[in-house]
């Protein structure tokens, strides 16, 4: 989930490197939503004409991203519904 990634980023040391297509795709969504600022290099063709994605860098968690985490429900603290 993107919000889980955002939580990890907040708890980590910036500038944070993200590699792997699925992780970079999550980062793209967070960046597009304005929750983080990131440098995501464009996909490029390698010698064998296969598409390659270089690692991305998370530069900043935005104030909007920090507010989103504050509003995120903590599933562990919710009481079960018995009815």
Protein backbone atom coordinates (compact mmCIF):
# COMPACT_ATOMS: atom_id res chain seq x y z
CA UNK A 1 0.00 0.00 0.00
CA UNK A 2 1.15 3.54 -0.68
CA UNK A 3 0.31 4.76 2.82
CA UNK A 4 2.40 1.97 4.33
CA UNK A 5 5.29 3.16 2.19
CA UNK A 6 4.71 6.72 3.37
CA UNK A 7 4.84 5.51 6.99
CA UNK A 8 8.17 3.78 6.33
CA UNK A 9 9.54 6.92 4.71
CA UNK A 10 8.56 9.08 7.68
CA UNK A 11 10.33 6.69 10.03
CA UNK A 12 13.43 6.50 7.83
CA UNK A 13 16.33 8.77 7.02
CA UNK A 14 15.95 11.10 4.03
CA UNK A 15 17.19 11.16 1.29
CA UNK A 16 15.85 7.65 0.81
CA UNK A 17 16.52 5.50 -2.26
CA UNK A 18 13.71 3.44 -3.73
CA UNK A 19 14.39 0.66 -6.22
CA UNK A 20 12.15 -1.90 -7.87
CA UNK A 21 9.32 -1.17 -10.25
CA UNK A 22 6.44 -1.75 -7.81
CA UNK A 23 8.06 0.41 -5.12
CA UNK A 24 8.80 3.19 -7.62
CA UNK A 25 5.20 3.03 -8.85
CA UNK A 26 3.99 3.56 -5.25
CA UNK A 27 6.39 6.47 -4.97
CA UNK A 28 5.01 7.94 -8.20
CA UNK A 29 1.52 7.89 -6.69
CA UNK A 30 2.70 9.54 -3.47
CA UNK A 31 4.54 12.19 -5.48
CA UNK A 32 1.55 12.84 -7.76
CA UNK A 33 -0.69 13.21 -4.68
CA UNK A 34 1.68 15.81 -3.24
CA UNK A 35 2.51 13.68 -0.20
CA UNK A 36 6.24 13.51 -0.98
CA UNK A 37 8.76 15.22 -3.21
CA UNK A 38 10.80 12.74 -5.15
CA UNK A 39 13.22 12.54 -8.04
CA UNK A 40 12.15 9.67 -10.28
CA UNK A 41 14.41 9.19 -13.28
CA UNK A 42 12.70 8.46 -16.58
CA UNK A 43 12.58 4.90 -17.88
CA UNK A 44 15.26 4.34 -20.51
CA UNK A 45 16.24 1.64 -22.99
CA UNK A 46 19.37 -0.31 -22.16
CA UNK A 47 21.84 -1.91 -24.57
CA UNK A 48 19.49 -4.86 -25.13
CA UNK A 49 16.56 -2.46 -25.85
CA UNK A 50 14.84 -3.52 -22.62
CA UNK A 51 13.24 -0.81 -20.51
CA UNK A 52 15.21 0.03 -17.37
CA UNK A 53 14.27 2.09 -14.34
CA UNK A 54 17.03 3.62 -12.25
CA UNK A 55 16.38 4.00 -8.50
CA UNK A 56 14.39 7.01 -7.30
CA UNK A 57 15.20 9.38 -4.46
CA UNK A 58 12.70 10.59 -1.87
CA UNK A 59 13.73 14.15 -1.09
CA UNK A 60 11.02 15.30 1.31
CA UNK A 61 7.84 14.28 3.07
CA UNK A 62 5.53 17.25 2.48
CA UNK A 63 3.35 18.81 5.17
CA UNK A 64 0.39 17.34 3.31
CA UNK A 65 1.99 13.89 3.60
CA UNK A 66 2.51 14.31 7.35
CA UNK A 67 -1.11 15.42 7.79
CA UNK A 68 -2.30 12.38 5.82
CA UNK A 69 -0.45 10.09 8.21
CA UNK A 70 -1.94 11.80 11.25
CA UNK A 71 -5.43 11.20 9.84
CA UNK A 72 -4.67 7.61 8.87
CA UNK A 73 -6.53 5.22 11.19
CA UNK A 74 -4.35 2.90 13.22
CA UNK A 75 -6.01 -0.49 12.77
CA UNK A 76 -4.28 -1.86 15.86
CA UNK A 77 -6.03 0.67 18.11
CA UNK A 78 -9.54 0.08 16.82
CA UNK A 79 -11.81 -1.96 19.00
CA UNK A 80 -13.49 -4.99 17.39
CA UNK A 81 -17.20 -4.78 16.67
CA UNK A 82 -19.10 -7.53 18.39
CA UNK A 83 -22.59 -6.81 17.07
